N, C-alpha and C. Protein backbone atom coordinates (compact mmCIF):
# COMPACT_ATOMS: atom_id res chain seq x y z
N MET A 1 187.04 82.93 144.88
CA MET A 1 185.81 82.17 144.83
C MET A 1 184.68 83.10 144.39
N PHE A 2 183.73 82.51 143.71
CA PHE A 2 182.58 83.29 143.27
C PHE A 2 181.60 83.39 144.43
N LEU A 3 181.07 84.58 144.64
CA LEU A 3 180.17 84.83 145.75
C LEU A 3 178.71 84.64 145.35
N ASN A 4 178.46 84.49 144.06
CA ASN A 4 177.10 84.21 143.57
C ASN A 4 177.20 83.52 142.22
N ARG A 5 176.07 83.03 141.74
CA ARG A 5 176.02 82.36 140.44
C ARG A 5 175.68 83.38 139.36
N ILE A 6 176.06 83.06 138.17
CA ILE A 6 175.85 83.97 137.05
C ILE A 6 174.40 83.91 136.58
N LYS A 7 173.89 85.06 136.17
CA LYS A 7 172.55 85.15 135.59
C LYS A 7 172.69 85.94 134.30
N LEU A 8 172.38 85.27 133.20
CA LEU A 8 172.56 85.84 131.87
C LEU A 8 171.29 85.81 131.06
N GLU A 9 171.22 86.69 130.09
CA GLU A 9 170.12 86.68 129.13
C GLU A 9 170.74 86.82 127.74
N HIS A 10 170.28 85.99 126.82
CA HIS A 10 170.80 86.03 125.45
C HIS A 10 170.26 87.26 124.72
N ILE A 11 171.11 87.91 123.94
CA ILE A 11 170.70 89.03 123.11
C ILE A 11 170.26 88.44 121.77
N PRO A 12 169.00 88.60 121.40
CA PRO A 12 168.49 87.99 120.16
C PRO A 12 169.32 88.34 118.93
N ASN A 13 169.49 87.35 118.07
CA ASN A 13 170.18 87.49 116.78
C ASN A 13 171.66 87.83 116.90
N LYS A 14 172.25 87.60 118.07
CA LYS A 14 173.68 87.85 118.25
C LYS A 14 174.27 86.73 119.09
N ARG A 15 175.58 86.57 119.01
CA ARG A 15 176.26 85.63 119.88
C ARG A 15 176.78 86.40 121.09
N LYS A 16 175.86 87.07 121.75
CA LYS A 16 176.19 87.90 122.92
C LYS A 16 175.16 87.65 124.01
N TRP A 17 175.61 87.81 125.24
CA TRP A 17 174.76 87.67 126.41
C TRP A 17 174.99 88.87 127.31
N VAL A 18 173.99 89.19 128.11
CA VAL A 18 174.10 90.31 129.04
C VAL A 18 173.83 89.79 130.45
N LEU A 19 174.62 90.27 131.41
CA LEU A 19 174.39 89.90 132.81
C LEU A 19 173.13 90.60 133.30
N THR A 20 172.23 89.83 133.88
CA THR A 20 171.01 90.42 134.42
C THR A 20 171.16 90.77 135.90
N GLU A 21 172.20 90.23 136.52
CA GLU A 21 172.56 90.58 137.90
C GLU A 21 174.08 90.64 137.97
N GLU A 22 174.61 91.41 138.90
CA GLU A 22 176.06 91.49 139.01
C GLU A 22 176.65 90.13 139.41
N LEU A 23 177.88 89.92 139.02
CA LEU A 23 178.63 88.71 139.34
C LEU A 23 179.79 89.14 140.22
N LYS A 24 179.95 88.47 141.37
CA LYS A 24 181.00 88.85 142.31
C LYS A 24 181.99 87.71 142.50
N TYR A 25 183.27 88.08 142.43
CA TYR A 25 184.37 87.13 142.62
C TYR A 25 185.30 87.69 143.68
N TYR A 26 185.66 86.85 144.64
CA TYR A 26 186.60 87.27 145.68
C TYR A 26 187.96 86.66 145.42
N SER A 27 188.98 87.51 145.45
CA SER A 27 190.36 87.10 145.29
C SER A 27 191.15 87.73 146.43
N ALA A 28 191.97 86.94 147.11
CA ALA A 28 192.78 87.48 148.21
C ALA A 28 193.63 88.65 147.72
N GLN A 29 194.11 88.57 146.49
CA GLN A 29 194.97 89.62 145.95
C GLN A 29 194.19 90.87 145.56
N TYR A 30 193.00 90.70 144.99
CA TYR A 30 192.25 91.84 144.47
C TYR A 30 190.98 92.15 145.25
N GLN A 31 190.74 91.42 146.32
CA GLN A 31 189.51 91.58 147.10
C GLN A 31 188.30 91.19 146.25
N THR A 32 187.22 91.91 146.32
CA THR A 32 186.03 91.55 145.55
C THR A 32 186.03 92.30 144.21
N ILE A 33 185.90 91.52 143.15
CA ILE A 33 185.76 92.09 141.81
C ILE A 33 184.30 91.91 141.42
N THR A 34 183.64 92.99 141.07
CA THR A 34 182.22 92.95 140.72
C THR A 34 182.05 93.24 139.23
N VAL A 35 181.47 92.27 138.53
CA VAL A 35 181.10 92.48 137.13
C VAL A 35 179.66 93.00 137.18
N PRO A 36 179.40 94.20 136.71
CA PRO A 36 178.08 94.80 136.89
C PRO A 36 177.00 94.18 136.01
N ALA A 37 175.77 94.24 136.50
CA ALA A 37 174.62 93.88 135.67
C ALA A 37 174.66 94.80 134.45
N GLY A 38 174.30 94.24 133.30
CA GLY A 38 174.33 95.00 132.07
C GLY A 38 175.59 94.77 131.26
N PHE A 39 176.61 94.13 131.86
CA PHE A 39 177.84 93.84 131.12
C PHE A 39 177.54 92.83 130.02
N THR A 40 178.06 93.08 128.83
CA THR A 40 177.84 92.21 127.67
C THR A 40 179.06 91.35 127.43
N THR A 41 178.83 90.07 127.12
CA THR A 41 179.90 89.10 126.92
C THR A 41 179.58 88.15 125.77
N ASP A 42 180.61 87.52 125.24
CA ASP A 42 180.41 86.45 124.26
C ASP A 42 180.69 85.09 124.91
N LEU A 43 180.70 85.06 126.23
CA LEU A 43 181.03 83.86 127.03
C LEU A 43 182.50 83.54 126.81
N ALA A 44 182.87 82.26 126.76
CA ALA A 44 184.27 81.90 126.53
C ALA A 44 184.58 82.04 125.05
N SER A 45 185.59 82.82 124.74
CA SER A 45 185.96 83.08 123.34
C SER A 45 186.84 81.94 122.83
N ILE A 46 186.19 80.86 122.48
CA ILE A 46 186.88 79.65 122.04
C ILE A 46 186.55 79.42 120.56
N PRO A 47 187.56 79.11 119.76
CA PRO A 47 187.30 78.84 118.34
C PRO A 47 186.26 77.72 118.17
N ARG A 48 185.35 77.92 117.24
CA ARG A 48 184.25 76.99 116.98
C ARG A 48 184.73 75.55 116.80
N LEU A 49 185.86 75.36 116.19
CA LEU A 49 186.43 74.05 115.95
C LEU A 49 186.62 73.26 117.26
N LEU A 50 186.81 73.95 118.36
CA LEU A 50 187.09 73.31 119.65
C LEU A 50 185.86 73.20 120.56
N TRP A 51 184.71 73.64 120.10
CA TRP A 51 183.51 73.68 120.95
C TRP A 51 183.09 72.31 121.47
N SER A 52 183.40 71.23 120.78
CA SER A 52 182.99 69.91 121.28
C SER A 52 183.73 69.56 122.57
N VAL A 53 184.92 70.09 122.76
CA VAL A 53 185.69 69.83 123.98
C VAL A 53 185.60 71.02 124.95
N PHE A 54 185.58 72.23 124.40
CA PHE A 54 185.55 73.46 125.20
C PHE A 54 184.38 74.34 124.76
N PRO A 55 183.14 74.00 125.13
CA PRO A 55 182.01 74.83 124.71
C PRO A 55 182.08 76.23 125.35
N PRO A 56 181.57 77.24 124.68
CA PRO A 56 181.62 78.60 125.22
C PRO A 56 180.94 78.75 126.58
N ASP A 57 179.99 77.87 126.87
CA ASP A 57 179.26 77.95 128.14
C ASP A 57 179.60 76.78 129.05
N GLY A 58 180.84 76.33 129.01
CA GLY A 58 181.29 75.20 129.81
C GLY A 58 181.35 75.53 131.30
N PRO A 59 181.94 74.63 132.09
CA PRO A 59 181.99 74.80 133.54
C PRO A 59 182.85 75.98 134.00
N TYR A 60 183.48 76.64 133.08
CA TYR A 60 184.33 77.80 133.33
C TYR A 60 183.60 79.10 132.97
N LEU A 61 182.28 79.02 132.78
CA LEU A 61 181.49 80.16 132.30
C LEU A 61 181.70 81.42 133.13
N GLU A 62 181.53 81.34 134.44
CA GLU A 62 181.69 82.52 135.28
C GLU A 62 183.09 83.10 135.16
N ALA A 63 184.10 82.22 135.11
CA ALA A 63 185.48 82.67 134.98
C ALA A 63 185.69 83.39 133.65
N ALA A 64 185.08 82.88 132.58
CA ALA A 64 185.22 83.50 131.26
C ALA A 64 184.60 84.90 131.24
N VAL A 65 183.45 85.05 131.87
CA VAL A 65 182.78 86.36 131.92
C VAL A 65 183.62 87.33 132.76
N LEU A 66 184.13 86.86 133.88
CA LEU A 66 185.02 87.68 134.71
C LEU A 66 186.24 88.12 133.89
N HIS A 67 186.82 87.21 133.15
CA HIS A 67 187.99 87.50 132.32
C HIS A 67 187.65 88.53 131.24
N ASP A 68 186.51 88.37 130.59
CA ASP A 68 186.07 89.37 129.61
C ASP A 68 185.99 90.75 130.25
N TYR A 69 185.44 90.80 131.44
CA TYR A 69 185.30 92.07 132.15
C TYR A 69 186.67 92.67 132.45
N LEU A 70 187.59 91.85 132.96
CA LEU A 70 188.93 92.36 133.29
C LEU A 70 189.62 92.91 132.04
N TYR A 71 189.45 92.23 130.91
CA TYR A 71 190.05 92.72 129.67
C TYR A 71 189.39 94.02 129.23
N SER A 72 188.08 94.12 129.40
CA SER A 72 187.36 95.30 128.90
C SER A 72 187.58 96.55 129.77
N LYS A 73 187.90 96.35 131.03
CA LYS A 73 188.05 97.48 131.96
C LYS A 73 189.47 97.66 132.45
N GLN A 74 190.44 97.16 131.69
CA GLN A 74 191.83 97.13 132.13
C GLN A 74 192.39 98.46 132.62
N PRO A 75 192.21 99.58 131.94
CA PRO A 75 192.84 100.79 132.47
C PRO A 75 192.25 101.20 133.82
N ALA A 76 190.94 101.13 133.95
CA ALA A 76 190.28 101.55 135.18
C ALA A 76 190.62 100.62 136.35
N LEU A 77 190.83 99.35 136.07
CA LEU A 77 191.11 98.38 137.13
C LEU A 77 192.59 98.29 137.46
N ASP A 78 193.44 98.92 136.65
CA ASP A 78 194.88 98.90 136.86
C ASP A 78 195.39 97.47 137.02
N ILE A 79 195.10 96.66 136.01
CA ILE A 79 195.50 95.26 136.02
C ILE A 79 196.21 94.95 134.70
N SER A 80 197.25 94.16 134.78
CA SER A 80 197.98 93.78 133.56
C SER A 80 197.29 92.59 132.91
N ARG A 81 197.64 92.35 131.67
CA ARG A 81 197.09 91.20 130.96
C ARG A 81 197.47 89.91 131.67
N LYS A 82 198.71 89.80 132.08
CA LYS A 82 199.17 88.60 132.78
C LYS A 82 198.38 88.39 134.08
N GLN A 83 198.15 89.47 134.82
CA GLN A 83 197.37 89.38 136.06
C GLN A 83 195.94 88.95 135.77
N ALA A 84 195.32 89.52 134.73
CA ALA A 84 193.95 89.16 134.36
C ALA A 84 193.87 87.68 134.00
N ASP A 85 194.86 87.20 133.26
CA ASP A 85 194.87 85.79 132.88
C ASP A 85 195.06 84.88 134.09
N LYS A 86 195.87 85.31 135.06
CA LYS A 86 196.06 84.52 136.30
C LYS A 86 194.77 84.48 137.12
N VAL A 87 194.05 85.60 137.17
CA VAL A 87 192.76 85.60 137.87
C VAL A 87 191.82 84.60 137.19
N PHE A 88 191.82 84.58 135.87
CA PHE A 88 191.02 83.63 135.10
C PHE A 88 191.37 82.19 135.48
N LEU A 89 192.65 81.89 135.53
CA LEU A 89 193.10 80.54 135.89
C LEU A 89 192.63 80.16 137.29
N LYS A 90 192.80 81.07 138.24
CA LYS A 90 192.38 80.80 139.63
C LYS A 90 190.87 80.68 139.74
N ALA A 91 190.16 81.49 138.97
CA ALA A 91 188.69 81.43 139.00
C ALA A 91 188.20 80.10 138.45
N MET A 92 188.85 79.59 137.40
CA MET A 92 188.47 78.28 136.86
C MET A 92 188.73 77.19 137.90
N ARG A 93 189.82 77.32 138.63
CA ARG A 93 190.12 76.34 139.69
C ARG A 93 189.02 76.38 140.76
N ALA A 94 188.62 77.58 141.14
CA ALA A 94 187.58 77.75 142.16
C ALA A 94 186.26 77.11 141.71
N LEU A 95 186.04 77.06 140.41
CA LEU A 95 184.82 76.44 139.87
C LEU A 95 184.94 74.92 139.72
N GLY A 96 186.12 74.39 140.01
CA GLY A 96 186.32 72.95 139.92
C GLY A 96 186.62 72.44 138.52
N VAL A 97 187.05 73.32 137.63
CA VAL A 97 187.41 72.91 136.27
C VAL A 97 188.66 72.03 136.37
N PRO A 98 188.64 70.83 135.77
CA PRO A 98 189.81 69.94 135.84
C PRO A 98 191.09 70.62 135.34
N GLY A 99 192.21 70.24 135.92
CA GLY A 99 193.49 70.87 135.60
C GLY A 99 193.82 70.88 134.12
N TRP A 100 193.64 69.76 133.44
CA TRP A 100 194.00 69.70 132.01
C TRP A 100 193.18 70.70 131.20
N LYS A 101 191.93 70.87 131.61
CA LYS A 101 191.04 71.77 130.86
C LYS A 101 191.36 73.23 131.17
N ARG A 102 191.54 73.55 132.45
CA ARG A 102 191.80 74.96 132.79
C ARG A 102 193.15 75.41 132.26
N TYR A 103 194.18 74.53 132.29
CA TYR A 103 195.48 74.94 131.76
C TYR A 103 195.46 75.03 130.24
N SER A 104 194.70 74.18 129.59
CA SER A 104 194.56 74.28 128.12
C SER A 104 193.95 75.62 127.75
N ILE A 105 192.89 76.01 128.46
CA ILE A 105 192.23 77.29 128.19
C ILE A 105 193.16 78.46 128.55
N TYR A 106 193.80 78.35 129.70
CA TYR A 106 194.71 79.40 130.15
C TYR A 106 195.82 79.64 129.13
N TYR A 107 196.47 78.58 128.67
CA TYR A 107 197.56 78.76 127.70
C TYR A 107 197.03 79.24 126.35
N GLY A 108 195.82 78.85 126.01
CA GLY A 108 195.19 79.38 124.81
C GLY A 108 195.00 80.88 124.90
N VAL A 109 194.58 81.34 126.06
CA VAL A 109 194.39 82.77 126.30
C VAL A 109 195.73 83.50 126.30
N ARG A 110 196.74 82.89 126.91
CA ARG A 110 198.07 83.51 126.94
C ARG A 110 198.62 83.65 125.51
N LEU A 111 198.36 82.65 124.68
CA LEU A 111 198.86 82.69 123.30
C LEU A 111 198.02 83.58 122.39
N GLY A 112 196.70 83.53 122.56
CA GLY A 112 195.83 84.20 121.61
C GLY A 112 195.12 85.45 122.10
N GLY A 113 195.32 85.84 123.36
CA GLY A 113 194.55 86.95 123.92
C GLY A 113 195.13 88.33 123.70
N LYS A 114 196.34 88.41 123.19
CA LYS A 114 196.99 89.72 123.06
C LYS A 114 196.21 90.68 122.18
N ALA A 115 195.70 90.19 121.06
CA ALA A 115 194.95 91.07 120.15
C ALA A 115 193.71 91.63 120.83
N SER A 116 193.01 90.79 121.58
CA SER A 116 191.82 91.24 122.29
C SER A 116 192.20 92.26 123.36
N TRP A 117 193.26 92.01 124.08
CA TRP A 117 193.73 92.94 125.11
C TRP A 117 194.08 94.29 124.48
N ASN A 118 194.78 94.26 123.38
CA ASN A 118 195.22 95.50 122.72
C ASN A 118 194.06 96.30 122.14
N LYS A 119 192.96 95.61 121.78
CA LYS A 119 191.77 96.31 121.25
C LYS A 119 191.17 97.21 122.30
N LYS A 120 191.29 96.81 123.55
CA LYS A 120 190.66 97.56 124.63
C LYS A 120 191.52 98.73 125.01
């Protein structure tokens, strides 16, 4: 469950946002995961073609930012890609994202996230 709400500021002339306050998520498996203030994100990395159904700032926003953080800090956090994706799925559930939507996004990440994971 998220312990606070997200606070973001848009970076002018870019499709990027920066956290203005830390974001905290509690997971029984990982305890508290803190995304620090100053972390930069592109929100949910969803192809533009799908934005009418899955906007980048949809009800899964906090989960998407948490997921971006887990992917970006993978070696330091000692977390696998599969584990990061499962945290994302559980975080979307905690936010009340309907099952069809969270599983669609989750499977999209499982299919398309490898390149992003490998970049980090």
